[in-house]
Amino acid sequence: MLGYITPEKGELKLREFEVYGAYYCGICRAVGARSGRLPRLLLSYDFAFLAVLLSAVFDAPDSLKPFRCLLHPMKKRFVLEISPVMEYAADMMLLSAYYKLRDDRLDEGSLRGSAGEFLLRGVVRGIRARNEDKSQALEDCMLELGRLESEACDSFDRAAEPFARFMGELLDYDGPVHSDISPKLADSARHALRRMGHSLGKWIYLIDAYDDAEEDLRRGVYNPLTRSHGYGLAEHAGESAARFRERIAERVRFAATLYLSELAELAALLPIKKNKGILENIIYMGLLRRTEEIVGENGERKRT
């Protein structure tokens, strides 16, 4: 994930804000315990959402305790005890970050991508050993995505499909919840989780492509929207990157809203056992706000 999944913080109740922050801090602690301190720099709120969602569906432990963070020593915070769900979210966060860094290296020759990928290799070997089947499924998705992008696929839906499946795999958790107790989830709920991931993946891939369109055009790298919407073709000769964004803004906004509508419908099918307010805030407000920020009016990104 790419930092797009955030709540509308001003609309969270005080207790919800504390719980959400506790998940974020809990993932940080899980990363430190399993993979060392340095990978904590890759911490992402996206995976706080993953941990909140899976914990809500499988009723994983929610034991908050106060602590003082070394980075924020003046203010006492809350953190969740590390659970198998938290450990899974931590592992998937680092694995996703590794793929993003690898993609940056391959697509752009990024020094940051090369260095990050090198530093995470040992960590990723451990994650793959702990999550063998899941890691292989995610790797297959990323390899297919890389192939389609290297071929400059001119169909947005086809290019987005591997990442959508990647997100479906992330949400389809089948590990333990309490110690060695594995979850027992109805097939319909598990299918809804996977389909939620698919819709969320399509939304992320779309929003990221739109957000990066001007930069990708400037650098001459592949972007699924510029390829699928005819940038540079004769009928759009002389079109600027800004004009391109404006031309496709309404279609992007419509597609993004459709994906979020599908996501909300699927979320309603899940047996949410707790933290419903946090999840509804992210799904119904946070993601929509991110769409508005990035697409804006007439394709111009809003400044926040």
Protein backbone atom coordinates (compact mmCIF):
# COMPACT_ATOMS: atom_id res chain seq x y z
CA MET A 1 0.00 0.00 0.00
CA LEU A 2 1.11 3.55 -0.59
CA GLY A 3 -0.01 5.74 2.28
CA TYR A 4 -3.49 6.49 0.95
CA ILE A 5 -5.55 4.66 3.58
CA THR A 6 -6.06 7.15 6.38
CA PRO A 7 -8.95 8.10 8.67
CA GLU A 8 -10.70 11.42 8.86
CA LYS A 9 -9.03 12.15 12.20
CA GLY A 10 -11.22 15.10 13.12
CA GLU A 11 -14.29 12.86 12.99
CA LEU A 12 -12.87 10.13 15.27
CA LYS A 13 -14.03 10.05 18.87
CA LEU A 14 -11.27 10.45 21.46
CA ARG A 15 -11.34 6.76 22.40
CA GLU A 16 -11.33 5.72 18.74
CA PHE A 17 -8.33 7.97 18.09
CA GLU A 18 -6.45 6.36 20.99
CA VAL A 19 -7.29 2.84 19.81
CA TYR A 20 -6.29 3.60 16.22
CA GLY A 21 -2.99 5.06 17.41
CA ALA A 22 -2.47 2.01 19.61
CA TYR A 23 -2.71 -0.24 16.56
CA TYR A 24 -0.15 1.88 14.74
CA CYS A 25 2.22 1.72 17.71
CA GLY A 26 1.52 -1.99 18.12
CA ILE A 27 2.63 -2.68 14.56
CA CYS A 28 5.78 -0.65 15.22
CA ARG A 29 6.56 -2.81 18.25
CA ALA A 30 5.81 -6.01 16.30
CA VAL A 31 8.21 -4.93 13.55
CA GLY A 32 10.91 -4.21 16.12
CA ALA A 33 10.42 -7.55 17.87
CA ARG A 34 10.43 -9.61 14.66
CA SER A 35 12.60 -7.68 12.21
CA GLY A 36 14.75 -5.19 14.14
CA ARG A 37 14.63 -1.45 14.69
CA LEU A 38 15.66 -0.11 11.29
CA PRO A 39 12.59 -1.44 9.38
CA ARG A 40 10.38 0.61 11.70
CA LEU A 41 11.21 3.56 9.44
CA LEU A 42 8.82 2.02 6.89
CA LEU A 43 5.84 2.20 9.23
CA SER A 44 2.58 2.94 7.40
CA TYR A 45 -0.93 3.87 8.52
CA ASP A 46 -2.23 1.65 5.71
CA PHE A 47 -1.36 -1.38 7.76
CA ALA A 48 -2.94 0.02 10.90
CA PHE A 49 -6.15 -0.25 8.86
CA LEU A 50 -5.32 -3.87 7.99
CA ALA A 51 -4.72 -4.70 11.67
CA VAL A 52 -7.92 -2.92 12.81
CA LEU A 53 -9.99 -4.67 10.14
CA LEU A 54 -8.69 -8.18 10.78
CA SER A 55 -8.83 -7.73 14.55
CA ALA A 56 -12.45 -6.58 14.25
CA VAL A 57 -13.46 -9.55 12.10
CA PHE A 58 -11.61 -12.22 14.07
CA ASP A 59 -12.02 -10.59 17.51
CA ALA A 60 -8.28 -10.53 18.19
CA PRO A 61 -7.15 -9.22 21.62
CA ASP A 62 -7.44 -5.48 22.21
CA SER A 63 -5.45 -4.91 25.39
CA LEU A 64 -4.25 -1.30 25.53
CA LYS A 65 -1.55 -0.14 27.90
CA PRO A 66 0.20 3.25 28.31
CA PHE A 67 3.84 3.67 27.32
CA ARG A 68 6.36 6.32 26.34
CA CYS A 69 7.80 6.19 22.84
CA LEU A 70 11.47 7.08 22.36
CA LEU A 71 10.50 9.29 19.41
CA HIS A 72 7.80 11.09 21.44
CA PRO A 73 9.03 10.93 25.05
CA MET A 74 7.06 13.92 26.35
CA LYS A 75 3.61 12.45 25.76
CA LYS A 76 2.31 9.16 27.09
CA ARG A 77 0.70 7.01 24.40
CA PHE A 78 -1.23 3.76 24.24
CA VAL A 79 -0.06 0.58 22.57
CA LEU A 80 -1.68 -2.79 21.91
CA GLU A 81 -0.15 -6.01 23.09
CA ILE A 82 1.39 -7.87 20.17
CA SER A 83 -0.99 -10.49 18.76
CA PRO A 84 -0.70 -12.87 15.78
CA VAL A 85 -2.86 -10.48 13.73
CA MET A 86 -0.53 -7.60 14.62
CA GLU A 87 2.49 -9.72 13.66
CA TYR A 88 0.85 -10.59 10.34
CA ALA A 89 0.18 -6.89 9.60
CA ALA A 90 3.80 -6.06 10.48
CA ASP A 91 5.17 -8.77 8.18
CA MET A 92 2.89 -7.77 5.29
CA MET A 93 3.83 -4.12 5.70
CA LEU A 94 7.53 -4.87 5.30
CA LEU A 95 6.93 -7.28 2.42
CA SER A 96 4.83 -4.66 0.61
CA ALA A 97 7.50 -2.01 1.26
CA TYR A 98 10.13 -4.36 -0.18
CA TYR A 99 8.12 -4.79 -3.39
CA LYS A 100 7.64 -1.02 -3.67
CA LEU A 101 11.40 -0.43 -3.28
CA ARG A 102 12.15 -3.15 -5.82
CA ASP A 103 9.67 -1.60 -8.24
CA ASP A 104 11.32 1.82 -7.80
CA ARG A 105 14.71 0.29 -8.60
CA LEU A 106 13.48 -1.52 -11.70
CA ASP A 107 11.33 1.31 -13.08
CA GLU A 108 13.40 4.35 -12.22
CA GLY A 109 16.85 3.09 -11.26
CA SER A 110 16.20 4.64 -7.84
CA LEU A 111 19.18 4.64 -5.48
CA ARG A 112 16.77 4.74 -2.54
CA GLY A 113 14.98 1.71 -3.98
CA SER A 114 18.24 -0.17 -4.49
CA ALA A 115 19.51 0.58 -0.99
CA GLY A 116 16.19 -0.20 0.67
CA GLU A 117 15.77 -3.43 -1.22
CA PHE A 118 19.29 -4.52 -0.26
CA LEU A 119 18.77 -3.70 3.42
CA LEU A 120 15.45 -5.55 3.57
CA ARG A 121 16.55 -8.77 1.86
CA GLY A 122 17.43 -10.57 5.08
CA VAL A 123 14.22 -9.38 6.75
CA VAL A 124 12.15 -10.52 3.78
CA ARG A 125 13.72 -14.00 3.87
CA GLY A 126 12.47 -14.34 7.43
CA ILE A 127 9.00 -13.08 6.51
CA ARG A 128 8.76 -15.52 3.61
CA ALA A 129 9.79 -18.40 5.87
CA ARG A 130 7.03 -17.48 8.34
CA ASN A 131 4.36 -16.91 5.65
CA GLU A 132 5.41 -19.28 2.88
CA ASP A 133 2.15 -19.77 0.96
CA LYS A 134 1.00 -16.18 1.36
CA SER A 135 4.38 -14.79 0.31
CA GLN A 136 4.42 -16.92 -2.83
CA ALA A 137 0.92 -15.79 -3.81
CA LEU A 138 1.91 -12.13 -3.31
CA GLU A 139 5.15 -12.62 -5.24
CA ASP A 140 3.21 -14.11 -8.17
CA CYS A 141 0.94 -11.04 -8.24
CA MET A 142 3.88 -8.66 -8.24
CA LEU A 143 5.70 -10.56 -10.97
CA GLU A 144 2.62 -10.37 -13.18
CA LEU A 145 2.24 -6.67 -12.41
CA GLY A 146 5.88 -6.07 -13.33
CA ARG A 147 5.45 -7.95 -16.61
CA LEU A 148 2.37 -5.94 -17.62
CA GLU A 149 4.04 -2.64 -16.74
CA SER A 150 7.23 -3.57 -18.60
CA GLU A 151 5.08 -4.30 -21.65
CA ALA A 152 3.44 -0.85 -21.27
CA CYS A 153 -0.04 -2.39 -21.00
CA ASP A 154 -2.58 0.00 -22.51
CA SER A 155 -5.57 -1.35 -20.53
CA PHE A 156 -5.95 0.13 -17.07
CA ASP A 157 -8.17 -2.71 -15.83
CA ARG A 158 -5.71 -5.36 -16.99
CA ALA A 159 -2.74 -3.50 -15.51
CA ALA A 160 -4.54 -2.99 -12.18
CA GLU A 161 -5.72 -6.58 -11.80
CA PRO A 162 -2.51 -8.08 -10.30
CA PHE A 163 -2.34 -5.36 -7.63
CA ALA A 164 -6.05 -5.86 -6.88
CA ARG A 165 -5.38 -9.58 -6.37
CA PHE A 166 -2.37 -8.67 -4.22
CA MET A 167 -4.62 -6.66 -1.92
CA GLY A 168 -7.18 -9.46 -1.88
CA GLU A 169 -4.45 -11.83 -0.68
CA LEU A 170 -3.43 -9.41 2.08
CA LEU A 171 -6.95 -9.20 3.50
CA ASP A 172 -7.57 -12.96 3.23
CA TYR A 173 -5.95 -13.80 6.57
CA ASP A 174 -6.02 -17.44 7.67
CA GLY A 175 -3.48 -17.55 10.50
CA PRO A 176 -3.99 -17.79 14.26
CA VAL A 177 -5.79 -15.16 16.33
CA HIS A 178 -5.16 -16.19 19.93
CA SER A 179 -1.91 -18.12 20.35
CA ASP A 180 -2.44 -21.27 18.29
CA ILE A 181 -6.18 -20.83 17.78
CA SER A 182 -6.94 -20.46 14.07
CA PRO A 183 -9.89 -18.34 12.96
CA LYS A 184 -13.15 -19.92 11.96
CA LEU A 185 -14.81 -17.61 9.49
CA ALA A 186 -17.77 -18.34 7.25
CA ASP A 187 -16.85 -18.78 3.61
CA SER A 188 -19.09 -15.82 2.70
CA ALA A 189 -17.23 -13.51 5.10
CA ARG A 190 -13.84 -14.69 3.92
CA HIS A 191 -14.94 -14.13 0.32
CA ALA A 192 -16.11 -10.62 1.28
CA LEU A 193 -12.70 -9.86 2.79
CA ARG A 194 -10.92 -10.97 -0.37
CA ARG A 195 -13.29 -8.97 -2.56
CA MET A 196 -12.81 -5.93 -0.31
CA GLY A 197 -9.09 -6.19 -0.91
CA HIS A 198 -9.70 -6.43 -4.65
CA SER A 199 -11.81 -3.24 -4.72
CA LEU A 200 -9.38 -1.43 -2.44
CA GLY A 201 -6.49 -2.49 -4.67
CA LYS A 202 -8.21 -1.10 -7.76
CA TRP A 203 -8.82 2.19 -5.93
CA ILE A 204 -5.21 2.45 -4.73
CA TYR A 205 -3.78 1.65 -8.16
CA LEU A 206 -6.07 4.22 -9.79
CA ILE A 207 -5.42 7.00 -7.27
CA ASP A 208 -1.67 6.37 -7.29
CA ALA A 209 -1.54 6.42 -11.10
CA TYR A 210 -3.47 9.69 -11.22
CA ASP A 211 -1.40 11.22 -8.42
CA ASP A 212 1.85 10.34 -10.24
CA ALA A 213 0.74 11.12 -13.80
CA GLU A 214 2.58 14.42 -14.24
CA GLU A 215 5.77 13.15 -12.60
CA ASP A 216 5.70 9.94 -14.67
CA LEU A 217 5.27 11.92 -17.88
CA ARG A 218 8.14 14.20 -16.96
CA ARG A 219 10.42 11.23 -16.26
CA GLY A 220 9.19 9.14 -19.18
CA VAL A 221 8.15 6.14 -17.10
CA TYR A 222 5.09 3.92 -17.50
CA ASN A 223 1.77 5.10 -16.13
CA PRO A 224 -1.38 3.02 -16.76
CA LEU A 225 -3.63 6.05 -17.12
CA THR A 226 -1.52 7.87 -19.69
CA ARG A 227 -1.35 4.66 -21.72
CA SER A 228 -5.06 3.83 -21.45
CA HIS A 229 -6.32 7.38 -22.08
CA GLY A 230 -4.37 8.19 -25.20
CA TYR A 231 -1.82 10.69 -23.98
CA GLY A 232 0.48 11.62 -26.85
CA LEU A 233 -1.79 10.33 -29.61
CA ALA A 234 -2.54 12.51 -32.63
CA GLU A 235 -5.97 13.62 -31.38
CA HIS A 236 -4.31 14.98 -28.23
CA ALA A 237 -1.22 16.46 -29.87
CA GLY A 238 0.45 19.12 -27.75
CA GLU A 239 -1.53 18.22 -24.66
CA SER A 240 0.21 19.22 -21.42
CA ALA A 241 0.35 16.94 -18.40
CA ALA A 242 -1.92 19.34 -16.50
CA ARG A 243 -4.46 19.33 -19.34
CA PHE A 244 -4.32 15.54 -19.43
CA ARG A 245 -5.18 15.37 -15.72
CA GLU A 246 -8.07 17.76 -16.29
CA ARG A 247 -9.35 15.73 -19.27
CA ILE A 248 -9.55 12.45 -17.36
CA ALA A 249 -10.44 13.83 -13.90
CA GLU A 250 -14.17 13.10 -14.10
CA ARG A 251 -13.62 9.53 -15.30
CA VAL A 252 -11.08 8.91 -12.54
CA ARG A 253 -13.42 10.36 -9.92
CA PHE A 254 -16.29 8.18 -11.16
CA ALA A 255 -14.19 4.99 -11.17
CA ALA A 256 -12.72 5.75 -7.72
CA THR A 257 -16.20 6.33 -6.29
CA LEU A 258 -17.39 3.06 -7.81
CA TYR A 259 -14.53 1.11 -6.20
CA LEU A 260 -15.24 2.73 -2.82
CA SER A 261 -18.94 1.94 -3.16
CA GLU A 262 -18.10 -1.73 -3.78
CA LEU A 263 -15.75 -1.66 -0.78
CA ALA A 264 -18.47 -0.28 1.51
CA GLU A 265 -21.04 -2.84 0.33
CA LEU A 266 -18.62 -5.69 1.03
CA ALA A 267 -17.63 -4.30 4.43
CA ALA A 268 -21.31 -4.39 5.43
CA LEU A 269 -21.25 -8.19 4.96
CA LEU A 270 -18.49 -8.74 7.53
CA PRO A 271 -19.10 -9.82 11.14
CA ILE A 272 -17.49 -6.72 12.68
CA LYS A 273 -17.11 -7.40 16.41
CA LYS A 274 -15.46 -4.16 17.55
CA ASN A 275 -13.91 -0.87 16.40
CA LYS A 276 -16.76 -0.35 13.98
CA GLY A 277 -16.53 3.44 14.27
CA ILE A 278 -12.87 3.46 13.20
CA LEU A 279 -13.54 1.24 10.19
CA GLU A 280 -16.58 3.24 9.09
CA ASN A 281 -14.59 6.46 9.44
CA ILE A 282 -11.85 5.17 7.12
CA ILE A 283 -14.14 3.48 4.58
CA TYR A 284 -16.86 6.14 4.37
CA MET A 285 -14.87 9.32 5.02
CA GLY A 286 -11.09 8.88 4.93
CA LEU A 287 -10.85 7.22 1.52
CA LEU A 288 -13.34 9.61 -0.02
CA ARG A 289 -11.41 12.57 1.35
CA ARG A 290 -8.18 11.20 -0.15
CA THR A 291 -9.94 10.89 -3.50
CA GLU A 292 -11.07 14.51 -3.29
CA GLU A 293 -7.60 15.70 -2.27
CA ILE A 294 -5.85 13.97 -5.18
CA VAL A 295 -8.37 14.40 -7.98
CA GLY A 296 -9.59 17.81 -6.80
CA GLU A 297 -11.51 20.09 -9.10
CA ASN A 298 -10.61 20.03 -12.79
CA GLY A 299 -7.86 17.53 -12.03
CA GLU A 300 -5.87 19.91 -9.83
CA ARG A 301 -4.59 18.29 -6.64
CA LYS A 302 -5.87 20.02 -3.53
CA ARG A 303 -3.28 21.31 -1.07
CA THR A 304 -3.81 20.11 2.51
